Amino acid sequence: MKPMTFTFIWTILLLLNSGCKKENIKPDLNFTDQSYGCQSFTVYKINKDGDAVIAVIGSRDNLKLSKTEQSFNLSNDLKVEVKRFKGDAKKYYCNDVPSEAGDIISTWTGYQGTVKIKIVQDSIATNPQGKPEYKINVTIDNIELKNSNDKKISVDHLEFKEVYVGWLPG
């Protein structure tokens, strides 16, 4: 093989390989046991690598949450998302100064699955807007998520136990 042909093939392979690395945006879905929360409710966990978050986001009032466990399908009032970041994922959620959107490598949005929610301790305090601060349990089952390129990932089962929510960052 001529040196020029070898150089041309090597260059093509490098270009193809660099394109593949850009597509390697799937987060590691091995989440820690620690759950965090805030807002009406946002509950989340960070993966073991610290660069991705799975979050369940909703509104207590819109979903009419109670001390009885309820099952919900994903909707405009209840979202599950996975985001992967360039850096520390923890600084993005429940922070009065969240990271810049440029820190997000990929976003996966839930489109099917079941979320079970139960208030386990109500009216712990009242936030400045007069809304209750409380603790909830959230369980997600068979959540299917996809990114903007319709690539899919799934989370079979994950629990968020006794997460303090209702408080507002800042």
Protein backbone atom coordinates (compact mmCIF):
# COMPACT_ATOMS: atom_id res chain seq x y z
CA MET A 1 0.00 0.00 0.00
CA LYS A 2 1.32 3.43 -0.89
CA PRO A 3 2.04 5.83 2.00
CA MET A 4 -0.42 8.39 0.62
CA THR A 5 -3.22 5.79 0.48
CA PHE A 6 -2.41 4.67 4.03
CA THR A 7 -2.52 8.30 5.27
CA PHE A 8 -5.85 8.89 3.51
CA ILE A 9 -7.41 5.75 5.05
CA TRP A 10 -6.01 6.60 8.49
CA THR A 11 -7.47 10.11 8.26
CA ILE A 12 -10.90 8.75 7.30
CA LEU A 13 -10.80 6.29 10.20
CA LEU A 14 -9.89 9.06 12.65
CA LEU A 15 -12.73 11.24 11.39
CA LEU A 16 -15.23 8.41 11.69
CA ASN A 17 -13.99 7.52 15.16
CA SER A 18 -14.23 11.12 16.39
CA GLY A 19 -17.84 11.19 15.16
CA CYS A 20 -18.57 8.03 17.14
CA LYS A 21 -17.23 9.58 20.32
CA LYS A 22 -19.70 12.44 19.96
CA GLU A 23 -22.52 9.90 19.83
CA ASN A 24 -21.34 8.26 23.07
CA ILE A 25 -23.70 10.38 25.14
CA LYS A 26 -25.56 7.70 27.07
CA PRO A 27 -25.23 8.21 30.81
CA ASP A 28 -24.26 5.49 33.24
CA LEU A 29 -27.59 4.59 34.86
CA ASN A 30 -26.05 3.20 38.05
CA PHE A 31 -27.57 5.71 40.51
CA THR A 32 -26.59 6.17 44.15
CA ASP A 33 -28.90 5.41 47.07
CA GLN A 34 -29.04 9.07 48.19
CA SER A 35 -32.15 11.00 47.07
CA TYR A 36 -32.46 14.78 46.97
CA GLY A 37 -35.44 17.08 46.44
CA CYS A 38 -36.97 20.57 46.33
CA GLN A 39 -39.74 22.62 44.64
CA SER A 40 -43.41 21.52 44.65
CA PHE A 41 -41.58 18.41 43.91
CA THR A 42 -38.41 17.58 42.14
CA VAL A 43 -36.77 14.39 43.38
CA TYR A 44 -33.49 13.21 41.94
CA LYS A 45 -30.53 10.88 42.25
CA ILE A 46 -27.03 11.22 40.90
CA ASN A 47 -25.22 8.39 39.16
CA LYS A 48 -22.08 6.79 40.65
CA ASP A 49 -19.87 8.76 38.20
CA GLY A 50 -21.40 12.06 39.39
CA ASP A 51 -22.06 13.25 35.84
CA ALA A 52 -25.74 12.32 35.39
CA VAL A 53 -29.02 12.85 37.20
CA ILE A 54 -32.37 11.12 37.02
CA ALA A 55 -35.19 13.44 38.12
CA VAL A 56 -38.92 13.12 38.64
CA ILE A 57 -40.63 16.51 38.40
CA GLY A 58 -44.23 17.36 39.19
CA SER A 59 -46.72 19.47 41.05
CA ARG A 60 -48.35 18.36 44.28
CA ASP A 61 -51.47 20.42 43.52
CA ASN A 62 -51.87 19.32 39.88
CA LEU A 63 -51.45 15.64 40.78
CA LYS A 64 -53.54 15.95 43.96
CA LEU A 65 -51.00 14.01 46.01
CA SER A 66 -52.04 12.46 49.30
CA LYS A 67 -50.87 10.07 51.99
CA THR A 68 -52.29 7.22 49.92
CA GLU A 69 -49.93 5.87 47.27
CA GLN A 70 -51.11 6.79 43.78
CA SER A 71 -49.95 5.53 40.36
CA PHE A 72 -49.42 7.91 37.46
CA ASN A 73 -48.43 7.66 33.83
CA LEU A 74 -46.03 10.28 32.48
CA SER A 75 -47.75 13.49 31.36
CA ASN A 76 -47.29 17.26 31.18
CA ASP A 77 -47.86 17.31 34.96
CA LEU A 78 -45.34 14.55 35.69
CA LYS A 79 -41.96 14.23 33.99
CA VAL A 80 -38.99 11.90 34.29
CA GLU A 81 -35.70 12.99 32.78
CA VAL A 82 -32.09 11.89 32.71
CA LYS A 83 -29.42 14.48 32.01
CA ARG A 84 -25.71 13.94 31.57
CA PHE A 85 -23.31 16.80 32.30
CA LYS A 86 -19.72 17.76 31.52
CA GLY A 87 -19.04 18.25 35.22
CA ASP A 88 -20.65 17.78 38.60
CA ALA A 89 -24.34 16.99 38.07
CA LYS A 90 -25.35 17.85 41.64
CA LYS A 91 -24.96 21.58 41.12
CA TYR A 92 -27.72 21.65 38.48
CA TYR A 93 -30.82 20.66 40.49
CA CYS A 94 -32.26 22.40 43.58
CA ASN A 95 -29.81 25.24 43.27
CA ASP A 96 -30.71 28.93 43.11
CA VAL A 97 -27.93 29.40 40.56
CA PRO A 98 -28.02 26.26 38.37
CA SER A 99 -25.23 25.37 35.99
CA GLU A 100 -25.28 26.78 32.51
CA ALA A 101 -27.17 24.78 29.89
CA GLY A 102 -23.84 24.39 28.04
CA ASP A 103 -22.83 21.93 30.75
CA ILE A 104 -25.50 19.49 29.54
CA ILE A 105 -24.14 16.76 27.25
CA SER A 106 -27.43 14.93 26.73
CA THR A 107 -31.05 14.97 27.82
CA TRP A 108 -33.32 11.93 27.85
CA THR A 109 -37.05 12.51 28.34
CA GLY A 110 -39.44 9.89 29.67
CA TYR A 111 -42.30 9.01 27.36
CA GLN A 112 -43.76 5.91 29.02
CA GLY A 113 -43.75 4.15 32.35
CA THR A 114 -45.31 4.30 35.78
CA VAL A 115 -44.59 6.58 38.73
CA LYS A 116 -45.96 5.86 42.20
CA ILE A 117 -46.05 8.72 44.70
CA LYS A 118 -47.04 8.92 48.36
CA ILE A 119 -46.75 11.73 50.90
CA VAL A 120 -45.13 10.15 53.96
CA GLN A 121 -44.94 13.27 56.16
CA ASP A 122 -47.05 16.35 55.47
CA SER A 123 -46.86 19.98 56.58
CA ILE A 124 -43.36 19.88 58.07
CA ALA A 125 -43.09 23.63 57.46
CA THR A 126 -44.43 26.30 55.10
CA ASN A 127 -42.34 27.86 52.33
CA PRO A 128 -42.40 31.66 51.66
CA GLN A 129 -45.21 31.19 49.09
CA GLY A 130 -47.40 29.59 51.75
CA LYS A 131 -47.08 26.06 50.34
CA PRO A 132 -46.35 23.06 52.58
CA GLU A 133 -42.94 21.45 52.84
CA TYR A 134 -43.28 17.68 53.10
CA LYS A 135 -41.63 14.30 52.51
CA ILE A 136 -42.57 11.92 49.71
CA ASN A 137 -41.74 8.47 48.44
CA VAL A 138 -41.49 8.13 44.67
CA THR A 139 -41.06 4.85 42.80
CA ILE A 140 -40.51 4.65 39.06
CA ASP A 141 -41.10 1.45 37.12
CA ASN A 142 -40.37 0.56 33.51
CA ILE A 143 -39.53 4.11 32.46
CA GLU A 144 -38.62 4.47 28.79
CA LEU A 145 -36.71 7.61 27.83
CA LYS A 146 -35.44 8.97 24.52
CA ASN A 147 -33.18 11.76 23.41
CA SER A 148 -33.65 14.21 20.53
CA ASN A 149 -32.25 11.58 18.11
CA ASP A 150 -34.86 9.01 19.29
CA LYS A 151 -32.16 6.86 20.89
CA LYS A 152 -33.66 5.08 23.88
CA ILE A 153 -32.65 4.08 27.38
CA SER A 154 -34.73 2.54 30.13
CA VAL A 155 -34.88 2.39 33.91
CA ASP A 156 -36.61 -0.72 35.24
CA HIS A 157 -37.08 0.32 38.87
CA LEU A 158 -35.82 3.08 41.13
CA GLU A 159 -37.00 4.36 44.53
CA PHE A 160 -36.69 7.79 46.12
CA LYS A 161 -37.43 7.35 49.85
CA GLU A 162 -38.57 10.06 52.28
CA VAL A 163 -37.36 12.99 50.17
CA TYR A 164 -37.88 16.44 51.68
CA VAL A 165 -39.64 18.66 49.09
CA GLY A 166 -41.78 21.78 48.93
CA TRP A 167 -38.86 24.06 49.84
CA LEU A 168 -37.55 26.60 47.36
CA PRO A 169 -33.84 27.13 46.62
CA GLY A 170 -32.40 30.54 47.26
